[in-house]
Structures are given as structure tokens and as C-alpha cells.
């Protein structure tokens, strides 16, 4: 995925399915460089991870 699409998803009111290595995730934010996104697994708000935006897949 590219940073432009991640920004669109973040600003969208719709529930857009995004996966990281096959697991559904919510995107919380992106870093200023536009290379990493902070995500968490759907249903598990406590555990957040920074992942490469290129590794996110829109379903």
C-alpha cells in the first residue's frame, strides 16, 4: 500500500479492511516520514506495532 492510500483510509468514516501479514488491523497513524504506520489488531487495542506501510494490504 502507499502512503496516500493510508491517509485516505485514516480520514474515511468507512470501515475499510486492511491486513498485515494476513491479520486484520486498524491503522492508528503514520510517521512523519511516511514509511511506517502504527497499527493494532482488531479487537486488541492495547498492543500496537509499527509496521512498514508497504506491508499493509487493502482487502
N, C-alpha and C. Protein backbone atom coordinates (compact mmCIF):
# COMPACT_ATOMS: atom_id res chain seq x y z
N UNK A 1 0.85 -1.16 0.00
CA UNK A 1 0.00 0.00 0.00
C UNK A 1 0.90 1.23 0.00
N UNK A 2 0.38 2.33 -0.49
CA UNK A 2 1.17 3.55 -0.47
C UNK A 2 0.65 4.53 0.58
N UNK A 3 1.47 5.52 0.92
CA UNK A 3 1.14 6.45 2.00
C UNK A 3 -0.12 7.27 1.67
N UNK A 4 -0.32 7.59 0.41
CA UNK A 4 -1.51 8.35 0.01
C UNK A 4 -2.78 7.57 0.36
N UNK A 5 -2.80 6.28 0.07
CA UNK A 5 -3.98 5.46 0.36
C UNK A 5 -4.17 5.31 1.87
N UNK A 6 -3.10 5.19 2.63
CA UNK A 6 -3.22 5.09 4.08
C UNK A 6 -3.86 6.36 4.63
N UNK A 7 -3.46 7.52 4.13
CA UNK A 7 -4.05 8.79 4.57
C UNK A 7 -5.54 8.83 4.24
N UNK A 8 -5.91 8.32 3.06
CA UNK A 8 -7.32 8.28 2.68
C UNK A 8 -8.11 7.39 3.63
N UNK A 9 -7.55 6.24 3.98
CA UNK A 9 -8.22 5.31 4.89
C UNK A 9 -8.37 5.94 6.27
N UNK A 10 -7.33 6.62 6.75
CA UNK A 10 -7.39 7.26 8.06
C UNK A 10 -8.48 8.33 8.12
N UNK A 11 -8.70 9.04 7.03
CA UNK A 11 -9.69 10.12 7.03
C UNK A 11 -11.09 9.65 6.65
N UNK A 12 -11.23 8.41 6.26
CA UNK A 12 -12.52 7.88 5.83
C UNK A 12 -13.38 7.44 7.02
N UNK A 13 -14.68 7.73 6.97
CA UNK A 13 -15.58 7.24 8.02
C UNK A 13 -15.94 5.75 7.83
N UNK A 14 -15.61 5.19 6.67
CA UNK A 14 -15.94 3.80 6.37
C UNK A 14 -14.99 2.84 7.08
N UNK A 15 -15.46 1.62 7.30
CA UNK A 15 -14.64 0.56 7.88
C UNK A 15 -13.97 -0.18 6.71
N UNK A 16 -12.73 0.20 6.43
CA UNK A 16 -12.00 -0.37 5.30
C UNK A 16 -11.09 -1.48 5.81
N UNK A 17 -11.24 -2.65 5.22
CA UNK A 17 -10.47 -3.83 5.65
C UNK A 17 -9.02 -3.70 5.23
N UNK A 18 -8.12 -3.71 6.22
CA UNK A 18 -6.68 -3.67 5.97
C UNK A 18 -6.05 -4.84 6.70
N UNK A 19 -5.12 -5.50 6.03
CA UNK A 19 -4.46 -6.65 6.65
C UNK A 19 -2.95 -6.45 6.67
N UNK A 20 -2.34 -7.00 7.70
CA UNK A 20 -0.89 -7.02 7.84
C UNK A 20 -0.50 -8.48 8.05
N UNK A 21 0.19 -9.04 7.10
CA UNK A 21 0.57 -10.47 7.12
C UNK A 21 -0.64 -11.36 7.43
N UNK A 22 -1.76 -11.06 6.76
CA UNK A 22 -2.95 -11.90 6.86
C UNK A 22 -3.86 -11.60 8.03
N UNK A 23 -3.49 -10.68 8.92
CA UNK A 23 -4.32 -10.37 10.09
C UNK A 23 -4.97 -9.01 9.91
N UNK A 24 -6.25 -8.91 10.23
CA UNK A 24 -6.97 -7.65 10.13
C UNK A 24 -6.45 -6.68 11.18
N UNK A 25 -6.16 -5.45 10.74
CA UNK A 25 -5.64 -4.43 11.64
C UNK A 25 -6.36 -3.11 11.44
N UNK A 26 -6.30 -2.28 12.47
CA UNK A 26 -6.71 -0.88 12.39
C UNK A 26 -5.44 -0.06 12.26
N UNK A 27 -5.48 0.95 11.42
CA UNK A 27 -4.35 1.88 11.30
C UNK A 27 -4.61 3.04 12.24
N UNK A 28 -3.69 3.29 13.15
CA UNK A 28 -3.84 4.39 14.11
C UNK A 28 -3.25 5.69 13.59
N UNK A 29 -2.06 5.61 13.01
CA UNK A 29 -1.39 6.82 12.50
C UNK A 29 -0.21 6.40 11.64
N UNK A 30 0.35 7.39 10.94
CA UNK A 30 1.56 7.15 10.17
C UNK A 30 2.65 8.08 10.69
N UNK A 31 3.90 7.68 10.48
CA UNK A 31 5.00 8.52 10.94
C UNK A 31 5.21 9.68 9.97
N UNK A 32 5.98 10.66 10.40
CA UNK A 32 6.18 11.86 9.59
C UNK A 32 6.91 11.56 8.29
N UNK A 33 7.76 10.56 8.28
CA UNK A 33 8.48 10.20 7.06
C UNK A 33 7.59 9.49 6.05
N UNK A 34 6.44 9.00 6.51
CA UNK A 34 5.51 8.32 5.61
C UNK A 34 5.94 6.92 5.23
N UNK A 35 6.75 6.28 6.08
CA UNK A 35 7.20 4.93 5.76
C UNK A 35 6.65 3.89 6.73
N UNK A 36 6.27 4.31 7.93
CA UNK A 36 5.76 3.39 8.95
C UNK A 36 4.36 3.79 9.39
N UNK A 37 3.58 2.79 9.73
CA UNK A 37 2.24 3.02 10.28
C UNK A 37 2.16 2.34 11.64
N UNK A 38 1.48 2.97 12.57
CA UNK A 38 1.18 2.34 13.85
C UNK A 38 -0.17 1.66 13.70
N UNK A 39 -0.21 0.36 13.96
CA UNK A 39 -1.44 -0.42 13.80
C UNK A 39 -1.70 -1.25 15.05
N UNK A 40 -2.94 -1.71 15.18
CA UNK A 40 -3.26 -2.69 16.21
C UNK A 40 -4.25 -3.69 15.63
N UNK A 41 -4.21 -4.90 16.17
CA UNK A 41 -5.13 -5.94 15.73
C UNK A 41 -6.55 -5.55 16.09
N UNK A 42 -7.48 -5.86 15.22
CA UNK A 42 -8.88 -5.57 15.52
C UNK A 42 -9.27 -6.33 16.78
N UNK A 43 -9.83 -5.61 17.75
CA UNK A 43 -10.26 -6.23 18.99
C UNK A 43 -9.22 -6.20 20.09
N UNK A 44 -7.99 -5.82 19.78
CA UNK A 44 -6.94 -5.79 20.80
C UNK A 44 -6.27 -4.41 20.78
N UNK A 45 -6.88 -3.47 21.47
CA UNK A 45 -6.42 -2.09 21.39
C UNK A 45 -5.11 -1.85 22.14
N UNK A 46 -4.77 -2.72 23.07
CA UNK A 46 -3.60 -2.47 23.91
C UNK A 46 -2.29 -2.63 23.15
N UNK A 47 -2.20 -3.58 22.27
CA UNK A 47 -0.93 -3.92 21.63
C UNK A 47 -0.81 -3.24 20.27
N UNK A 48 0.04 -2.23 20.22
CA UNK A 48 0.27 -1.52 18.97
C UNK A 48 1.66 -1.85 18.44
N UNK A 49 1.78 -1.82 17.12
CA UNK A 49 3.06 -2.11 16.48
C UNK A 49 3.30 -1.11 15.37
N UNK A 50 4.56 -0.82 15.11
CA UNK A 50 4.91 -0.02 13.95
C UNK A 50 5.32 -0.99 12.84
N UNK A 51 4.69 -0.81 11.68
CA UNK A 51 4.94 -1.70 10.55
C UNK A 51 5.19 -0.86 9.29
N UNK A 52 5.85 -1.46 8.32
CA UNK A 52 6.09 -0.77 7.05
C UNK A 52 4.77 -0.62 6.30
N UNK A 53 4.52 0.58 5.82
CA UNK A 53 3.30 0.83 5.06
C UNK A 53 3.22 -0.10 3.85
N UNK A 54 4.34 -0.41 3.24
CA UNK A 54 4.37 -1.28 2.08
C UNK A 54 3.86 -2.69 2.39
N UNK A 55 3.87 -3.09 3.67
CA UNK A 55 3.41 -4.42 4.07
C UNK A 55 1.91 -4.48 4.34
N UNK A 56 1.22 -3.34 4.29
CA UNK A 56 -0.23 -3.33 4.51
C UNK A 56 -0.94 -3.62 3.20
N UNK A 57 -2.04 -4.39 3.29
CA UNK A 57 -2.80 -4.78 2.12
C UNK A 57 -4.25 -4.44 2.36
N UNK A 58 -4.85 -3.73 1.40
CA UNK A 58 -6.28 -3.42 1.47
C UNK A 58 -7.06 -4.59 0.87
N UNK A 59 -8.07 -5.03 1.59
CA UNK A 59 -8.89 -6.14 1.11
C UNK A 59 -10.11 -5.62 0.37
